Amino acid sequence: MSEEQNYKPKRKYEWLSKWVKMTGERARIDAKANNKYIVYEKNGELVKEFPNGDIVPLNKDAEL
């Protein structure tokens, strides 16, 4: 019975999660090397993450 409670189904495309994570890490590395920021969605809103680790909300009126 305890085995059924701990059962977690595998994803159909398990490699996709790893690929997405590696892509995000690569974006952070490139942004740091070029002193740029990256934009992504966090908690339903767009944010900018700077190379120093600061995360600020992206204004909808601002340009990317």
N, C-alpha and C. Protein backbone atom coordinates (compact mmCIF):
# COMPACT_ATOMS: atom_id res chain seq x y z
N MET A 1 0.83 -1.19 0.00
CA MET A 1 0.00 0.00 0.00
C MET A 1 0.87 1.26 0.00
N SER A 2 1.96 1.27 0.75
CA SER A 2 2.81 2.45 0.80
C SER A 2 3.47 2.71 -0.55
N GLU A 3 3.71 1.67 -1.33
CA GLU A 3 4.29 1.85 -2.66
C GLU A 3 3.35 2.63 -3.57
N GLU A 4 2.07 2.41 -3.45
CA GLU A 4 1.09 3.11 -4.28
C GLU A 4 1.05 4.60 -3.93
N GLN A 5 1.23 4.93 -2.67
CA GLN A 5 1.19 6.32 -2.24
C GLN A 5 2.41 7.09 -2.73
N ASN A 6 3.54 6.44 -2.84
CA ASN A 6 4.76 7.09 -3.28
C ASN A 6 4.95 7.02 -4.79
N TYR A 7 4.04 6.40 -5.50
CA TYR A 7 4.16 6.25 -6.95
C TYR A 7 4.03 7.60 -7.64
N LYS A 8 5.01 7.91 -8.45
CA LYS A 8 4.99 9.15 -9.22
C LYS A 8 5.12 8.78 -10.69
N PRO A 9 4.12 9.11 -11.50
CA PRO A 9 4.18 8.71 -12.92
C PRO A 9 5.31 9.43 -13.65
N LYS A 10 5.94 8.72 -14.57
CA LYS A 10 7.00 9.33 -15.37
C LYS A 10 6.38 10.18 -16.46
N ARG A 11 7.11 11.20 -16.86
CA ARG A 11 6.65 12.06 -17.94
C ARG A 11 6.83 11.34 -19.26
N LYS A 12 6.01 11.67 -20.20
CA LYS A 12 6.12 11.06 -21.52
C LYS A 12 7.43 11.43 -22.18
N TYR A 13 7.81 12.69 -22.05
CA TYR A 13 9.06 13.17 -22.63
C TYR A 13 9.96 13.67 -21.49
N GLU A 14 10.54 12.75 -20.79
CA GLU A 14 11.35 13.09 -19.62
C GLU A 14 12.56 13.94 -19.99
N TRP A 15 13.09 13.75 -21.18
CA TRP A 15 14.27 14.52 -21.63
C TRP A 15 13.95 16.00 -21.77
N LEU A 16 12.69 16.33 -21.98
CA LEU A 16 12.31 17.72 -22.21
C LEU A 16 12.58 18.59 -20.98
N SER A 17 12.29 18.08 -19.80
CA SER A 17 12.54 18.85 -18.57
C SER A 17 14.02 19.18 -18.44
N LYS A 18 14.87 18.21 -18.72
CA LYS A 18 16.31 18.42 -18.63
C LYS A 18 16.77 19.45 -19.66
N TRP A 19 16.23 19.37 -20.87
CA TRP A 19 16.60 20.29 -21.94
C TRP A 19 16.19 21.72 -21.59
N VAL A 20 15.00 21.90 -21.05
CA VAL A 20 14.52 23.23 -20.67
C VAL A 20 15.40 23.81 -19.57
N LYS A 21 15.75 22.99 -18.59
CA LYS A 21 16.59 23.46 -17.50
C LYS A 21 17.96 23.88 -18.02
N MET A 22 18.54 23.10 -18.92
CA MET A 22 19.86 23.43 -19.47
C MET A 22 19.80 24.70 -20.32
N THR A 23 18.70 24.91 -21.02
CA THR A 23 18.54 26.11 -21.83
C THR A 23 18.50 27.36 -20.95
N GLY A 24 17.77 27.28 -19.83
CA GLY A 24 17.70 28.41 -18.90
C GLY A 24 19.05 28.71 -18.27
N GLU A 25 19.77 27.65 -17.92
CA GLU A 25 21.10 27.85 -17.34
C GLU A 25 22.04 28.50 -18.35
N ARG A 26 21.95 28.08 -19.61
CA ARG A 26 22.79 28.65 -20.66
C ARG A 26 22.44 30.12 -20.88
N ALA A 27 21.17 30.48 -20.81
CA ALA A 27 20.76 31.87 -20.97
C ALA A 27 21.36 32.73 -19.86
N ARG A 28 21.36 32.22 -18.63
CA ARG A 28 21.96 32.96 -17.51
C ARG A 28 23.45 33.16 -17.71
N ILE A 29 24.14 32.12 -18.19
CA ILE A 29 25.58 32.22 -18.43
C ILE A 29 25.87 33.26 -19.51
N ASP A 30 25.12 33.23 -20.62
CA ASP A 30 25.31 34.19 -21.70
C ASP A 30 25.01 35.61 -21.24
N ALA A 31 23.95 35.78 -20.44
CA ALA A 31 23.58 37.11 -19.94
C ALA A 31 24.68 37.66 -19.04
N LYS A 32 25.24 36.82 -18.21
CA LYS A 32 26.31 37.27 -17.32
C LYS A 32 27.56 37.65 -18.12
N ALA A 33 27.90 36.85 -19.13
CA ALA A 33 29.09 37.13 -19.94
C ALA A 33 28.95 38.42 -20.74
N ASN A 34 27.72 38.73 -21.15
CA ASN A 34 27.48 39.91 -21.98
C ASN A 34 26.88 41.08 -21.20
N ASN A 35 26.81 40.94 -19.87
CA ASN A 35 26.24 41.96 -19.00
C ASN A 35 24.84 42.39 -19.46
N LYS A 36 24.00 41.41 -19.73
CA LYS A 36 22.61 41.63 -20.14
C LYS A 36 21.69 40.97 -19.13
N TYR A 37 20.39 41.12 -19.31
CA TYR A 37 19.42 40.47 -18.45
C TYR A 37 18.62 39.47 -19.25
N ILE A 38 17.94 38.56 -18.56
CA ILE A 38 17.04 37.62 -19.22
C ILE A 38 15.63 37.92 -18.73
N VAL A 39 14.66 37.59 -19.57
CA VAL A 39 13.25 37.81 -19.24
C VAL A 39 12.56 36.45 -19.23
N TYR A 40 11.78 36.22 -18.19
CA TYR A 40 11.00 34.98 -18.11
C TYR A 40 9.78 35.21 -17.23
N GLU A 41 8.91 34.22 -17.20
CA GLU A 41 7.68 34.33 -16.42
C GLU A 41 7.88 33.68 -15.06
N LYS A 42 7.50 34.40 -14.03
CA LYS A 42 7.59 33.89 -12.66
C LYS A 42 6.32 34.28 -11.93
N ASN A 43 5.63 33.30 -11.41
CA ASN A 43 4.37 33.53 -10.69
C ASN A 43 3.35 34.31 -11.52
N GLY A 44 3.30 34.03 -12.80
CA GLY A 44 2.30 34.64 -13.67
C GLY A 44 2.63 36.01 -14.20
N GLU A 45 3.81 36.53 -13.91
CA GLU A 45 4.18 37.84 -14.46
C GLU A 45 5.59 37.78 -15.03
N LEU A 46 5.86 38.65 -15.98
CA LEU A 46 7.19 38.70 -16.59
C LEU A 46 8.15 39.44 -15.67
N VAL A 47 9.36 38.89 -15.56
CA VAL A 47 10.39 39.52 -14.73
C VAL A 47 11.70 39.57 -15.50
N LYS A 48 12.56 40.51 -15.09
CA LYS A 48 13.91 40.61 -15.64
C LYS A 48 14.87 40.14 -14.55
N GLU A 49 15.82 39.26 -14.93
CA GLU A 49 16.85 38.84 -14.00
C GLU A 49 18.19 39.33 -14.51
N PHE A 50 18.85 40.12 -13.69
CA PHE A 50 20.13 40.72 -14.05
C PHE A 50 21.27 39.80 -13.65
N PRO A 51 22.46 40.00 -14.25
CA PRO A 51 23.60 39.13 -13.95
C PRO A 51 23.99 39.11 -12.46
N ASN A 52 23.70 40.16 -11.72
CA ASN A 52 24.04 40.20 -10.30
C ASN A 52 23.02 39.48 -9.43
N GLY A 53 21.97 38.93 -10.04
CA GLY A 53 20.96 38.17 -9.31
C GLY A 53 19.71 38.94 -8.97
N ASP A 54 19.68 40.25 -9.24
CA ASP A 54 18.48 41.04 -8.97
C ASP A 54 17.36 40.63 -9.92
N ILE A 55 16.15 40.50 -9.37
CA ILE A 55 14.97 40.16 -10.17
C ILE A 55 13.95 41.27 -9.97
N VAL A 56 13.54 41.91 -11.07
CA VAL A 56 12.56 42.99 -11.00
C VAL A 56 11.42 42.71 -11.97
N PRO A 57 10.20 43.10 -11.62
CA PRO A 57 9.07 42.91 -12.53
C PRO A 57 9.26 43.73 -13.80
N LEU A 58 8.82 43.19 -14.90
CA LEU A 58 8.90 43.88 -16.18
C LEU A 58 7.62 44.67 -16.38
N ASN A 59 7.75 45.97 -16.56
CA ASN A 59 6.58 46.81 -16.80
C ASN A 59 6.02 46.48 -18.17
N LYS A 60 4.71 46.43 -18.27
CA LYS A 60 4.08 46.10 -19.54
C LYS A 60 4.31 47.19 -20.59
N ASP A 61 4.57 48.42 -20.14
CA ASP A 61 4.81 49.53 -21.07
C ASP A 61 6.25 49.57 -21.54
N ALA A 62 7.14 48.92 -20.82
CA ALA A 62 8.56 48.97 -21.17
C ALA A 62 8.89 48.07 -22.34
N GLU A 63 9.91 48.44 -23.07
CA GLU A 63 10.35 47.61 -24.19
C GLU A 63 11.27 46.52 -23.70
N LEU A 64 11.27 45.40 -24.41
CA LEU A 64 12.19 44.32 -24.07
C LEU A 64 13.49 44.68 -24.68
